[in-house]
C-alpha atoms as a PDB file:
ATOM      1  CA  MET A   1     -10.108  37.212 -13.272  1.00  0.00           C
ATOM      2  CA  ASP A   2      -9.075  33.906 -11.423  1.00  0.00           C
ATOM      3  CA  PHE A   3     -10.371  30.694 -12.185  1.00  0.00           C
ATOM      4  CA  ALA A   4      -9.969  27.621 -10.101  1.00  0.00           C
ATOM      5  CA  VAL A   5      -9.748  24.393 -11.872  1.00  0.00           C
ATOM      6  CA  ALA A   6     -10.689  21.060 -10.218  1.00  0.00           C
ATOM      7  CA  ASP A   7      -8.138  18.754 -10.039  1.00  0.00           C
ATOM      8  CA  THR A   8      -9.618  15.568 -11.537  1.00  0.00           C
ATOM      9  CA  ARG A   9      -6.606  13.371 -12.344  1.00  0.00           C
ATOM     10  CA  VAL A  10      -5.793  10.404 -10.313  1.00  0.00           C
ATOM     11  CA  PRO A  11      -2.529   9.781  -8.734  1.00  0.00           C
ATOM     12  CA  THR A  12      -0.753   6.370  -9.587  1.00  0.00           C
ATOM     13  CA  VAL A  13       1.250   4.330  -6.975  1.00  0.00           C
ATOM     14  CA  SER A  14       3.148   1.507  -8.015  1.00  0.00           C
ATOM     15  CA  ILE A  15       4.807  -1.165  -5.812  1.00  0.00           C
ATOM     16  CA  THR A  16       8.498  -1.796  -6.939  1.00  0.00           C
ATOM     17  CA  ALA A  17      10.094  -3.605  -4.030  1.00  0.00           C
ATOM     18  CA  PRO A  18      10.442  -6.484  -2.991  1.00  0.00           C
ATOM     19  CA  THR A  19       8.539  -7.058  -6.477  1.00  0.00           C
ATOM     20  CA  SER A  20       6.370  -5.373  -9.128  1.00  0.00           C
ATOM     21  CA  ALA A  21       4.371  -8.750  -9.430  1.00  0.00           C
ATOM     22  CA  SER A  22       0.746  -8.880  -8.092  1.00  0.00           C
ATOM     23  CA  THR A  23       1.903 -11.677  -5.669  1.00  0.00           C
ATOM     24  CA  TYR A  24       5.006 -12.438  -3.527  1.00  0.00           C
ATOM     25  CA  THR A  25       5.921 -15.301  -0.927  1.00  0.00           C
ATOM     26  CA  THR A  26       8.016 -14.928   2.004  1.00  0.00           C
ATOM     27  CA  SER A  27       8.551 -16.694   5.361  1.00  0.00           C
ATOM     28  CA  SER A  28       9.299 -13.361   7.233  1.00  0.00           C
ATOM     29  CA  ALA A  29       7.045 -12.088   9.702  1.00  0.00           C
ATOM     30  CA  THR A  30       7.429  -8.545   8.181  1.00  0.00           C
ATOM     31  CA  ILE A  31       7.995  -7.249   4.622  1.00  0.00           C
ATOM     32  CA  ALA A  32       9.439  -4.194   3.467  1.00  0.00           C
ATOM     33  CA  LEU A  33       7.578  -2.232   0.702  1.00  0.00           C
ATOM     34  CA  GLY A  34       8.706   0.385  -1.539  1.00  0.00           C
ATOM     35  CA  GLY A  35       7.356   2.054  -4.717  1.00  0.00           C
ATOM     36  CA  THR A  36       6.894   5.404  -6.475  1.00  0.00           C
ATOM     37  CA  THR A  37       4.016   7.665  -7.040  1.00  0.00           C
ATOM     38  CA  THR A  38       3.057  10.313  -9.792  1.00  0.00           C
ATOM     39  CA  ASP A  39       0.494  13.044  -9.954  1.00  0.00           C
ATOM     40  CA  ASP A  40       0.072  16.183 -11.948  1.00  0.00           C
ATOM     41  CA  LEU A  41      -0.068  18.215  -8.724  1.00  0.00           C
ATOM     42  CA  GLY A  42       1.710  15.980  -6.434  1.00  0.00           C
ATOM     43  CA  VAL A  43       0.963  13.219  -3.713  1.00  0.00           C
ATOM     44  CA  THR A  44       0.215  14.149  -0.238  1.00  0.00           C
ATOM     45  CA  GLN A  45       0.193  11.080   1.504  1.00  0.00           C
ATOM     46  CA  VAL A  46       0.789   7.171   0.721  1.00  0.00           C
ATOM     47  CA  THR A  47      -1.112   4.767   3.362  1.00  0.00           C
ATOM     48  CA  TRP A  48      -1.344   1.079   3.458  1.00  0.00           C
ATOM     49  CA  THR A  49      -3.857  -1.576   4.662  1.00  0.00           C
ATOM     50  CA  ASN A  50      -3.694  -5.404   5.404  1.00  0.00           C
ATOM     51  CA  ASN A  51      -6.772  -7.515   5.057  1.00  0.00           C
ATOM     52  CA  GLN A  52      -5.532  -9.521   8.091  1.00  0.00           C
ATOM     53  CA  GLY A  53      -5.227  -6.229  10.255  1.00  0.00           C
ATOM     54  CA  GLY A  54      -3.248  -3.174  10.245  1.00  0.00           C
ATOM     55  CA  SER A  55      -2.675   0.208   8.616  1.00  0.00           C
ATOM     56  CA  GLY A  56      -0.472   3.028   8.349  1.00  0.00           C
ATOM     57  CA  ILE A  57       1.302   5.651   6.513  1.00  0.00           C
ATOM     58  CA  ALA A  58       4.356   5.244   4.327  1.00  0.00           C
ATOM     59  CA  SER A  59       7.405   7.123   4.542  1.00  0.00           C
ATOM     60  CA  GLY A  60       7.809   9.507   1.609  1.00  0.00           C
ATOM     61  CA  THR A  61       5.360  10.549  -1.194  1.00  0.00           C
ATOM     62  CA  THR A  62       7.245  10.466  -4.520  1.00  0.00           C
ATOM     63  CA  ALA A  63       9.558   7.587  -3.450  1.00  0.00           C
ATOM     64  CA  TRP A  64       7.834   6.011  -0.482  1.00  0.00           C
ATOM     65  CA  GLY A  65       8.638   2.950   1.725  1.00  0.00           C
ATOM     66  CA  VAL A  66       7.266   0.973   4.895  1.00  0.00           C
ATOM     67  CA  ALA A  67       7.710  -2.111   6.867  1.00  0.00           C
ATOM     68  CA  ILE A  68       4.341  -3.956   7.349  1.00  0.00           C
ATOM     69  CA  PRO A  69       3.751  -6.905   9.789  1.00  0.00           C
ATOM     70  CA  LEU A  70       2.438 -10.169   8.076  1.00  0.00           C
ATOM     71  CA  VAL A  71       0.539 -13.090   9.413  1.00  0.00           C
ATOM     72  CA  ALA A  72       0.768 -16.781   8.157  1.00  0.00           C
ATOM     73  CA  GLY A  73      -1.053 -17.266   4.902  1.00  0.00           C
ATOM     74  CA  ALA A  74      -2.535 -14.479   2.457  1.00  0.00           C
ATOM     75  CA  ASN A  75      -2.148 -10.882   3.272  1.00  0.00           C
ATOM     76  CA  ILE A  76      -3.581  -8.422   0.773  1.00  0.00           C
ATOM     77  CA  ILE A  77      -1.827  -5.451   1.056  1.00  0.00           C
ATOM     78  CA  THR A  78      -3.301  -2.316  -0.544  1.00  0.00           C
ATOM     79  CA  VAL A  79      -1.226   1.055  -0.923  1.00  0.00           C
ATOM     80  CA  THR A  80      -3.272   4.197  -1.569  1.00  0.00           C
ATOM     81  CA  ALA A  81      -1.604   7.584  -2.819  1.00  0.00           C
ATOM     82  CA  ARG A  82      -3.827  10.765  -2.159  1.00  0.00           C
ATOM     83  CA  ASP A  83      -3.520  14.304  -3.737  1.00  0.00           C
ATOM     84  CA  ALA A  84      -4.798  17.530  -2.669  1.00  0.00           C
ATOM     85  CA  GLY A  85      -7.568  17.440  -4.531  1.00  0.00           C
ATOM     86  CA  GLY A  86      -9.133  14.405  -2.680  1.00  0.00           C
ATOM     87  CA  ASN A  87      -8.164  11.904  -5.683  1.00  0.00           C
ATOM     88  CA  PHE A  88      -6.622   8.423  -4.724  1.00  0.00           C
ATOM     89  CA  GLY A  89      -5.197   5.518  -6.694  1.00  0.00           C
ATOM     90  CA  THR A  90      -4.223   2.242  -5.623  1.00  0.00           C
ATOM     91  CA  ASP A  91      -1.935  -0.847  -6.170  1.00  0.00           C
ATOM     92  CA  ILE A  92      -2.285  -4.254  -4.576  1.00  0.00           C
ATOM     93  CA  LEU A  93       0.305  -6.858  -3.481  1.00  0.00           C
ATOM     94  CA  THR A  94      -0.659 -10.250  -2.219  1.00  0.00           C
ATOM     95  CA  VAL A  95       1.964 -11.688   0.113  1.00  0.00           C
ATOM     96  CA  THR A  96       1.651 -15.112   1.336  1.00  0.00           C
ATOM     97  CA  ARG A  97       3.681 -15.748   4.645  1.00  0.00           C
ATOM     98  CA  SER A  98       4.564 -19.356   4.828  1.00  0.00           C
ATOM     99  CA  GLY A  99       5.007 -20.902   8.072  1.00  0.00           C
ATOM    100  CA  GLY A 100       4.339 -19.157  11.369  1.00  0.00           C
ATOM    101  CA  ARG A 101       1.336 -19.128  13.381  1.00  0.00           C
ATOM    102  CA  ARG A 102      -2.432 -18.449  11.506  1.00  0.00           C
ATOM    103  CA  LYS A 103      -4.887 -16.311  13.071  1.00  0.00           C
ATOM    104  CA  ARG A 104      -7.662 -18.480  14.645  1.00  0.00           C
ATOM    105  CA  SER A 105     -11.312 -17.774  14.916  1.00  0.00           C
ATOM    106  CA  ARG A 106     -12.841 -18.749  17.950  1.00  0.00           C
ATOM    107  CA  ILE A 107     -16.391 -20.296  17.445  1.00  0.00           C
ATOM    108  CA  ARG A 108     -18.675 -19.920  20.660  1.00  0.00           C
END
C-alpha cells in the first residue's frame, strides 16, 4: 500500500547579503541580494518583489542571488521561497536608497 504524505513544512529563506539585518542604506540604484533557503523536500523557486515596483525570479534555490533596481527612498524587498507542496516562506529587507530621484505621484 502506498501512502501520499502531504508536505506541510514551510521553507525558510534568509537574506544574508549585503546584510542579514532587517534594514540597509545605500546610494546605489541597484542592490545585489543573496541568501539561502532550506526545506525538508527542497525549494523549487525563489522570487522577489519590491513595494516600489518590480518583481522577478532569483538565480538558484538552496543558495540564491539577484540584482534588484531601487528607487530613492524606502524599498521593501520581499523574498519568497516556494516548495513543490505549494508552501512558502518569506524574508524582508527594507532598503533605503539615499539620493537619486524619487518617484513622483501626479495629481490631476
